[in-house]
Protein backbone atom coordinates (compact mmCIF):
# COMPACT_ATOMS: atom_id res chain seq x y z
CA MET A 1 -10.64 -1.07 -4.93
CA ILE A 2 -7.15 -1.44 -6.40
CA ARG A 3 -6.67 -4.63 -8.42
CA VAL A 4 -3.17 -6.12 -8.65
CA ALA A 5 -2.30 -9.01 -10.98
CA LEU A 6 0.35 -11.29 -9.50
CA ASP A 7 2.39 -13.95 -11.31
CA ALA A 8 1.76 -17.05 -9.18
CA LEU A 9 4.70 -18.99 -10.66
CA GLY A 10 7.20 -16.12 -10.48
CA GLY A 11 10.24 -16.51 -8.23
CA ASP A 12 12.51 -19.17 -6.78
CA PHE A 13 9.99 -20.30 -4.16
CA ALA A 14 6.76 -20.04 -6.14
CA PRO A 15 3.92 -20.80 -5.94
CA ASP A 16 3.90 -21.35 -2.16
CA VAL A 17 5.37 -18.02 -1.03
CA VAL A 18 3.53 -16.09 -3.76
CA VAL A 19 0.13 -17.37 -2.67
CA GLU A 20 1.00 -16.83 1.00
CA GLY A 21 2.18 -13.29 0.29
CA ALA A 22 -1.01 -12.56 -1.65
CA VAL A 23 -3.16 -13.78 1.24
CA ASN A 24 -1.22 -11.69 3.74
CA ALA A 25 -1.49 -8.62 1.48
CA VAL A 26 -5.27 -8.72 1.08
CA ASN A 27 -5.81 -9.56 4.75
CA LYS A 28 -3.90 -6.41 5.73
CA ASN A 29 -5.24 -4.21 2.92
CA PRO A 30 -9.00 -4.59 2.40
CA ASN A 31 -8.85 -2.04 -0.43
CA VAL A 32 -6.62 -4.36 -2.48
CA HIS A 33 -7.79 -7.26 -4.65
CA VAL A 34 -5.16 -9.68 -5.96
CA VAL A 35 -5.62 -11.59 -9.20
CA LEU A 36 -3.34 -14.64 -9.02
CA CYS A 37 -2.26 -15.75 -12.49
CA GLY A 38 -1.08 -19.34 -12.61
CA PRO A 39 -2.24 -22.96 -12.90
CA GLU A 40 -5.77 -22.67 -11.51
CA ALA A 41 -5.90 -26.03 -9.74
CA VAL A 42 -2.50 -25.55 -8.12
CA VAL A 43 -3.22 -22.02 -6.95
CA LYS A 44 -6.62 -22.93 -5.52
CA GLU A 45 -5.07 -25.89 -3.70
CA LYS A 46 -2.50 -23.56 -2.10
CA LEU A 47 -5.25 -21.14 -1.08
CA ALA A 48 -7.23 -23.97 0.49
CA LYS A 49 -4.19 -25.17 2.46
CA LEU A 50 -3.81 -21.67 3.86
CA GLY A 51 -7.49 -21.70 4.77
CA TYR A 52 -8.26 -18.66 2.62
CA ALA A 53 -11.82 -18.42 1.31
CA GLY A 54 -12.26 -14.64 1.16
CA GLN A 55 -13.26 -12.38 -1.70
CA GLY A 56 -9.96 -10.49 -1.89
CA ILE A 57 -8.31 -12.97 -4.25
CA SER A 58 -9.39 -14.33 -7.62
CA VAL A 59 -7.57 -16.78 -9.87
CA VAL A 60 -6.95 -16.63 -13.61
CA ASP A 61 -5.74 -19.86 -15.19
CA ALA A 62 -2.26 -19.37 -16.68
CA PRO A 63 -0.62 -22.80 -16.82
CA ASP A 64 2.65 -22.13 -18.69
CA PRO A 65 5.77 -21.93 -16.48
CA VAL A 66 8.59 -19.49 -17.32
CA ALA A 67 12.16 -20.40 -16.39
CA MET A 68 14.55 -17.72 -15.19
CA ASP A 69 16.91 -18.35 -18.13
CA GLU A 70 14.34 -18.25 -20.93
CA HIS A 71 14.80 -15.57 -23.58
CA PRO A 72 12.48 -12.63 -22.78
CA VAL A 73 11.09 -12.15 -26.28
CA GLN A 74 10.51 -15.88 -26.73
CA VAL A 75 8.50 -15.95 -23.49
CA LEU A 76 6.21 -13.24 -24.84
CA LYS A 77 5.79 -15.01 -28.20
CA LYS A 78 5.57 -18.64 -27.13
CA LYS A 79 4.06 -18.46 -23.65
CA PRO A 80 1.14 -16.01 -23.77
CA HIS A 81 -0.64 -18.19 -21.21
CA SER A 82 2.11 -17.92 -18.61
CA GLY A 83 1.36 -16.14 -15.35
CA LEU A 84 3.95 -13.48 -16.16
CA VAL A 85 2.50 -12.49 -19.54
CA THR A 86 -1.09 -12.91 -18.37
CA CYS A 87 -0.73 -10.49 -15.45
CA VAL A 88 0.54 -7.79 -17.84
CA ALA A 89 -2.10 -8.60 -20.47
CA LEU A 90 -4.83 -8.12 -17.87
CA GLN A 91 -3.53 -4.62 -17.22
CA LYS A 92 -3.44 -3.89 -20.94
CA LYS A 93 -7.14 -4.85 -21.07
CA GLY A 94 -7.92 -2.55 -18.15
CA MET A 95 -8.92 -5.41 -15.87
CA VAL A 96 -6.24 -4.65 -13.24
CA ASP A 97 -4.35 -1.55 -12.14
CA ALA A 98 -0.87 -3.04 -11.71
CA SER A 99 1.14 -6.15 -12.57
CA VAL A 100 3.72 -7.89 -10.37
CA SER A 101 6.18 -10.71 -11.02
CA ALA A 102 9.15 -12.12 -9.12
CA GLY A 103 9.98 -14.28 -12.12
CA ASN A 104 12.19 -13.74 -15.16
CA SER A 105 12.87 -10.00 -14.96
CA GLY A 106 13.87 -9.73 -18.61
CA ALA A 107 10.61 -11.37 -19.66
CA MET A 108 8.64 -9.08 -17.34
CA MET A 109 10.43 -6.08 -18.83
CA ALA A 110 9.73 -7.25 -22.40
CA SER A 111 6.09 -8.02 -21.65
CA CYS A 112 5.49 -4.62 -20.08
CA LEU A 113 7.29 -2.84 -22.91
CA MET A 114 5.50 -4.69 -25.71
CA LEU A 115 2.03 -4.89 -24.16
CA LEU A 116 1.79 -1.63 -22.21
CA GLY A 117 4.07 0.42 -24.46
CA LYS A 118 6.40 3.33 -23.78
CA SER A 119 4.91 6.60 -22.62
CA SER A 120 6.78 8.46 -25.35
CA GLU A 121 8.91 7.50 -28.32
CA LYS A 122 11.19 10.33 -27.25
CA PHE A 123 12.12 8.31 -24.17
CA SER A 124 14.88 5.89 -25.16
CA ARG A 125 14.76 2.88 -22.83
CA PRO A 126 12.52 2.20 -19.83
CA PRO A 127 14.73 1.62 -16.77
CA ILE A 128 14.05 0.06 -13.38
CA GLY A 129 13.62 2.68 -10.67
CA CYS A 130 14.45 1.06 -7.34
CA VAL A 131 14.00 2.56 -3.88
CA ILE A 132 17.15 2.02 -1.81
CA PRO A 133 18.08 3.12 1.72
CA THR A 134 20.80 5.58 2.71
CA ALA A 135 22.02 6.97 6.00
CA ASP A 136 19.39 9.72 5.80
CA ARG A 137 16.34 8.71 3.76
CA PRO A 138 15.30 6.47 0.86
CA ILE A 139 16.46 7.47 -2.60
CA ILE A 140 15.97 6.27 -6.18
CA LEU A 141 18.54 4.12 -8.00
CA VAL A 142 18.02 4.10 -11.76
CA ASP A 143 18.71 1.88 -13.66
CA ALA A 144 18.71 -1.14 -11.33
CA GLY A 145 19.14 -3.77 -14.03
CA ALA A 146 16.86 -3.40 -17.04
CA ASN A 147 19.53 -2.26 -19.52
CA VAL A 148 23.22 -2.62 -20.32
CA ASP A 149 25.64 -0.73 -22.60
CA GLU A 150 23.63 2.49 -22.46
CA ARG A 151 24.53 5.59 -24.44
CA ALA A 152 25.19 8.84 -22.61
CA SER A 153 21.87 10.28 -23.85
CA THR A 154 20.07 7.25 -22.37
CA LEU A 155 21.62 7.96 -18.97
CA VAL A 156 20.20 11.48 -19.23
CA ASP A 157 16.74 9.98 -19.81
CA PHE A 158 17.28 7.83 -16.72
CA ALA A 159 18.04 10.99 -14.75
CA ILE A 160 14.84 12.64 -15.93
CA ALA A 161 12.75 9.54 -15.16
CA GLY A 162 14.33 9.08 -11.73
CA SER A 163 13.87 12.75 -10.90
CA ALA A 164 10.20 12.58 -11.87
CA PHE A 165 9.78 9.41 -9.78
CA ALA A 166 11.35 11.02 -6.71
CA GLU A 167 9.11 14.07 -7.10
CA THR A 168 5.86 12.19 -7.58
CA TYR A 169 6.36 9.34 -5.11
CA PHE A 170 8.45 10.83 -2.30
CA GLY A 171 7.46 14.46 -2.81
CA TYR A 172 11.11 15.51 -3.03
CA GLN A 173 11.24 19.01 -4.46
CA ASN A 174 13.88 19.59 -7.13
CA PRO A 175 15.60 16.27 -6.24
CA LYS A 176 19.37 16.16 -6.40
CA VAL A 177 20.66 13.92 -9.19
CA GLY A 178 24.10 12.29 -8.99
CA LEU A 179 25.96 10.26 -11.63
CA LEU A 180 27.60 7.18 -10.12
CA ASN A 181 31.26 7.11 -11.05
CA MET A 182 34.73 6.13 -9.78
CA GLY A 183 35.55 9.70 -8.79
CA GLU A 184 33.95 13.10 -8.33
CA GLU A 185 35.99 14.77 -11.08
CA GLU A 186 34.02 15.19 -14.28
CA HIS A 187 36.73 13.61 -16.43
CA LYS A 188 36.83 10.38 -14.42
CA GLY A 189 35.45 7.06 -15.64
CA PRO A 190 34.77 5.60 -19.09
CA ALA A 191 33.98 7.82 -22.06
CA VAL A 192 30.22 7.25 -21.83
CA LEU A 193 30.14 8.58 -18.27
CA GLN A 194 32.28 11.56 -19.15
CA GLU A 195 29.90 12.38 -21.99
CA ALA A 196 26.86 11.83 -19.77
CA HIS A 197 28.33 14.21 -17.19
CA GLN A 198 28.57 16.98 -19.77
CA LEU A 199 25.04 16.33 -21.04
CA LEU A 200 23.62 16.31 -17.52
CA LYS A 201 25.07 19.75 -16.86
CA SER A 202 22.52 21.22 -19.25
CA ALA A 203 19.74 18.67 -18.69
CA PRO A 204 16.47 19.75 -17.01
CA VAL A 205 17.36 18.12 -13.69
CA ASN A 206 19.13 19.25 -10.51
CA PHE A 207 22.47 17.65 -11.39
CA ILE A 208 25.04 17.80 -8.58
CA GLY A 209 27.85 15.98 -10.40
CA ASN A 210 29.53 12.64 -9.96
CA ILE A 211 29.10 10.69 -6.76
CA GLU A 212 30.99 7.65 -5.50
CA GLY A 213 29.90 4.59 -3.59
CA GLU A 214 30.42 6.04 -0.13
CA THR A 215 28.57 9.26 -0.94
CA LEU A 216 25.72 7.23 -2.44
CA ILE A 217 25.22 5.32 0.79
CA MET A 218 25.38 8.52 2.83
CA GLY A 219 22.53 10.04 0.82
CA ALA A 220 24.38 12.72 -1.15
CA ALA A 221 21.82 12.49 -3.97
CA ASP A 222 18.08 11.85 -4.12
CA VAL A 223 18.45 10.12 -7.49
CA VAL A 224 21.49 8.04 -8.45
CA VAL A 225 21.95 7.48 -12.19
CA THR A 226 23.94 4.54 -13.45
CA SER A 227 23.99 1.83 -16.08
CA GLY A 228 21.74 -1.14 -15.44
CA PHE A 229 24.78 -3.40 -15.09
CA THR A 230 26.40 -1.29 -12.38
CA GLY A 231 23.09 -0.47 -10.72
CA ASN A 232 22.22 -4.14 -10.32
CA VAL A 233 25.64 -4.85 -8.80
CA VAL A 234 25.14 -1.99 -6.33
CA LEU A 235 21.65 -3.20 -5.45
CA LYS A 236 22.77 -6.79 -4.80
CA MET A 237 25.74 -5.56 -2.75
CA LEU A 238 23.45 -3.53 -0.50
CA GLU A 239 21.19 -6.56 -0.05
CA GLY A 240 24.20 -8.72 0.80
CA PHE A 241 25.43 -6.12 3.29
CA PHE A 242 22.11 -6.24 5.14
CA GLU A 243 22.11 -10.04 5.22
CA LEU A 244 25.69 -10.10 6.53
CA HIS A 245 24.75 -7.59 9.21
CA GLN A 246 21.78 -9.70 10.28
CA LYS A 247 23.88 -12.86 10.31
CA MET A 248 26.51 -11.25 12.52
CA PHE A 249 24.38 -9.10 14.81
CA GLY A 250 20.70 -9.86 14.23
CA THR A 251 18.18 -7.08 14.80
CA ILE A 252 19.58 -4.86 17.53
CA ASP A 253 16.83 -4.17 20.04
CA THR A 254 17.09 -0.41 20.13
CA GLU A 255 15.14 2.27 18.29
CA ALA A 256 18.07 2.81 15.92
CA GLY A 257 18.57 -0.94 15.46
CA ARG A 258 14.94 -1.57 14.61
CA ARG A 259 14.90 1.42 12.25
CA PHE A 260 18.03 0.10 10.52
CA ALA A 261 16.48 -3.34 10.05
CA GLU A 262 13.29 -1.88 8.60
CA MET A 263 15.13 0.50 6.27
CA TRP A 264 17.73 -1.92 4.95
CA ASP A 265 15.71 -5.12 4.63
CA TYR A 266 15.20 -5.36 0.86
CA ARG A 267 12.02 -7.35 1.41
CA MET A 268 10.32 -4.24 2.79
CA THR A 269 10.76 -2.49 -0.59
CA GLY A 270 8.77 -5.25 -2.25
CA GLY A 271 9.58 -4.49 -5.86
CA ALA A 272 10.93 -1.95 -8.31
CA LEU A 273 8.93 0.12 -10.80
CA LEU A 274 9.54 0.09 -14.53
CA LEU A 275 9.65 3.75 -15.53
CA GLY A 276 8.41 5.37 -18.73
CA LEU A 277 5.67 2.82 -19.50
CA ASN A 278 1.91 3.21 -19.95
CA GLY A 279 1.12 1.29 -16.81
CA THR A 280 2.42 -0.01 -13.51
CA GLY A 281 4.82 -2.92 -13.88
CA ILE A 282 6.61 -4.15 -10.76
CA ILE A 283 9.64 -6.45 -10.77
CA ALA A 284 10.12 -8.27 -7.47
CA HIS A 285 13.24 -10.10 -6.34
CA GLY A 286 13.63 -13.63 -7.68
CA ARG A 287 14.26 -14.98 -4.20
CA SER A 288 11.33 -13.16 -2.64
CA ASP A 289 9.75 -14.80 0.37
CA ALA A 290 6.15 -14.31 1.47
CA LEU A 291 6.94 -10.98 3.15
CA ALA A 292 8.62 -9.62 0.01
CA ILE A 293 5.64 -10.68 -2.12
CA GLU A 294 3.23 -9.07 0.34
CA LYS A 295 5.19 -5.83 0.17
CA ALA A 296 5.41 -6.03 -3.65
CA VAL A 297 1.61 -6.20 -3.84
CA GLU A 298 1.36 -3.37 -1.32
CA VAL A 299 3.73 -1.07 -3.20
CA ALA A 300 2.13 -1.91 -6.56
CA ALA A 301 -1.25 -0.91 -5.16
CA LYS A 302 0.25 2.27 -3.72
CA TYR A 303 1.87 3.22 -7.03
CA ALA A 304 -1.40 2.59 -8.87
CA GLU A 305 -3.53 4.44 -6.33
CA LYS A 306 -1.23 7.48 -6.36
CA GLY A 307 -1.02 7.41 -10.16
CA VAL A 308 2.76 7.37 -9.95
CA SER A 309 3.32 6.03 -13.48
CA LYS A 310 0.87 8.56 -14.96
CA ASN A 311 2.48 11.43 -13.04
CA VAL A 312 5.98 10.33 -14.02
CA ASN A 313 4.93 10.08 -17.66
CA GLU A 314 3.37 13.55 -17.60
CA ARG A 315 6.55 14.93 -16.05
CA LEU A 316 8.67 13.14 -18.65
CA ALA A 317 6.47 14.44 -21.48
CA ALA A 318 6.64 18.00 -20.17
CA ILE A 319 10.43 17.86 -19.99
CA LYS A 320 11.00 16.05 -23.27
CA ASP A 321 8.61 18.33 -25.16
CA GLU A 322 9.94 21.52 -23.58
CA PRO A 323 11.30 23.97 -26.18
CA ALA A 324 15.09 23.97 -26.36
CA GLU A 325 15.33 27.68 -25.42
CA ALA A 326 13.41 27.02 -22.22
CA LYS A 327 16.06 24.53 -21.11
CA GLN A 328 18.86 27.03 -21.28
């Protein structure tokens, strides 16, 4: 049984869609148990309205709400009884296998970092590794919004983490790593990207050089490395593109049309994994509906069951601890 802690008050439409998504998740996955962390009376009332009385969901009282604009560190210090902090604290205690929140992403990042800890002090900043679609197959975008103003060496760490993620989750062998830039030439872009390009040439990843927006979407790389600022813009643009397509055309009733809708609907991804931490922390979209929450629980359970975080951390440790002469 995989146990997933879920922030009941996380997201724009919580707690209604969160509770509904949790119910749908456990009904479809009998091997998953969801621990809903939120105001106990409110959560139980929502469960009763949905007619759920099964054993696949338990409730932990966590009454403190967290606003989307609250300072991440202050949330951790002043609201330890919030659903967001509680779901991570339960994982720290070994009571659950994964933690999920569609709430304040900065607070979720800070809680996971401070409570679960980094896998290695040699790893600079934990990024968000997000699965995104391309014309060919899903790839990893890293960082998708956890950091800004990264150094070139930090972007190299993102490349290593993303490469390890692609290997352990998708099974991609020697995944191709591309650096998102405004041109393919190695001297294009701001100084930090030019420096990162040079560092990536000798990094222990399969670096294929700079890639641009159109080559990203065509699947030129298995792992796309970028700053969290740019990565988040790219991610939201892809989501907006899908919503525009659906508004204009709807789901086209052909095999290709249905495949497109399934691949590009961001709700089907569920949530993104924080990489380089001692645990499984999932950040879901703030405007998640019940389907997105269901999928976030599903993917969290899958990551935990497959030991993705542990495997990524072992891969990171092996690379970071590798003797310098072996990297030549």
